[in-house]
Amino acid sequence: MREENMMRIKLGRCGRISKKKRAEYIARRLRDKCRRIFKKKVKISQELNKYIWSRGMEKPPTFFEVEVSEEEDYVLISLPGEKTEG
């Protein structure tokens, strides 16, 4: 069974984080935020990961929309309109 939700993610506090760790911080915060909501293992799609790292590690996007697909075992986070397997 697959349920899909749209979420708007605002992670604007990464300015306090060291420049060399910002993109990693954004990915970790996104995963933690979804883990708290869904109480399941969280996977980030490859395209979303590329989007987070697209501007480099020092200037990742801090506001974006994601599509959350809830599977039986895990939650998959992807960009809206992205083709996903399953």
Protein backbone atom coordinates (compact mmCIF):
# COMPACT_ATOMS: atom_id res chain seq x y z
CA MET A 1 0.00 0.00 0.00
CA ARG A 2 1.37 3.37 -1.00
CA GLU A 3 0.30 6.74 0.35
CA GLU A 4 1.72 9.99 -1.01
CA ASN A 5 1.86 13.36 0.72
CA MET A 6 3.35 16.71 -0.24
CA MET A 7 5.44 18.56 2.33
CA ARG A 8 7.03 21.98 2.33
CA ILE A 9 10.37 21.92 4.08
CA LYS A 10 11.95 25.05 5.50
CA LEU A 11 15.40 24.50 6.97
CA GLY A 12 16.62 28.06 7.23
CA ARG A 13 18.82 27.73 10.29
CA CYS A 14 21.77 26.22 8.48
CA GLY A 15 23.58 29.57 8.56
CA ARG A 16 24.78 28.67 12.04
CA ILE A 17 26.43 25.49 10.76
CA SER A 18 29.99 25.37 9.44
CA LYS A 19 30.13 26.03 5.68
CA LYS A 20 31.71 22.66 4.98
CA LYS A 21 28.85 20.75 6.65
CA ARG A 22 25.71 22.58 5.46
CA ALA A 23 24.47 20.23 2.69
CA GLU A 24 25.06 17.20 4.92
CA TYR A 25 23.17 19.00 7.71
CA ILE A 26 20.18 19.72 5.43
CA ALA A 27 19.95 16.06 4.36
CA ARG A 28 20.19 14.88 7.97
CA ARG A 29 17.56 17.39 9.18
CA LEU A 30 15.19 16.35 6.39
CA ARG A 31 15.60 12.68 7.29
CA ASP A 32 15.13 13.38 11.04
CA LYS A 33 12.04 15.53 10.45
CA CYS A 34 10.32 12.80 8.42
CA ARG A 35 11.40 10.11 10.88
CA ARG A 36 9.69 12.02 13.72
CA ILE A 37 6.46 12.35 11.70
CA PHE A 38 6.17 8.86 10.22
CA LYS A 39 8.04 6.73 12.82
CA LYS A 40 9.65 4.61 10.07
CA LYS A 41 12.97 4.25 8.29
CA VAL A 42 13.47 7.12 5.82
CA LYS A 43 15.09 6.98 2.39
CA ILE A 44 16.01 10.04 0.31
CA SER A 45 15.78 9.61 -3.46
CA GLN A 46 18.87 10.06 -5.59
CA GLU A 47 17.36 13.03 -7.46
CA LEU A 48 16.52 14.85 -4.22
CA ASN A 49 20.02 14.20 -2.93
CA LYS A 50 21.47 15.65 -6.17
CA TYR A 51 19.20 18.69 -5.76
CA ILE A 52 20.41 19.27 -2.19
CA TRP A 53 24.05 19.08 -3.30
CA SER A 54 23.48 20.95 -6.63
CA ARG A 55 24.76 24.28 -5.31
CA GLY A 56 27.66 22.76 -3.45
CA MET A 57 28.15 21.93 0.18
CA GLU A 58 28.33 25.56 1.31
CA LYS A 59 25.05 26.87 -0.16
CA PRO A 60 22.34 24.18 -0.16
CA PRO A 61 18.69 25.15 -0.76
CA THR A 62 16.90 25.85 2.51
CA PHE A 63 13.29 25.78 1.28
CA PHE A 64 11.79 23.18 -1.04
CA GLU A 65 8.78 20.96 -1.57
CA VAL A 66 9.08 17.19 -1.38
CA GLU A 67 6.78 14.27 -2.07
CA VAL A 68 6.63 11.69 0.70
CA SER A 69 5.59 8.15 -0.27
CA GLU A 70 4.79 5.89 2.65
CA GLU A 71 5.58 2.22 1.98
CA GLU A 72 5.11 -0.69 4.39
CA ASP A 73 8.69 -0.73 5.71
CA TYR A 74 9.98 2.76 4.98
CA VAL A 75 9.21 6.29 3.81
CA LEU A 76 10.64 7.55 0.49
CA ILE A 77 11.28 11.28 0.11
CA SER A 78 11.55 12.58 -3.45
CA LEU A 79 11.06 15.70 -5.56
CA PRO A 80 7.51 16.35 -6.83
CA GLY A 81 6.86 14.64 -10.16
CA GLU A 82 9.92 12.41 -9.91
CA LYS A 83 9.54 8.93 -11.32
CA THR A 84 9.94 6.40 -8.50
CA GLU A 85 10.13 2.63 -8.61
CA GLY A 86 7.58 0.50 -6.87
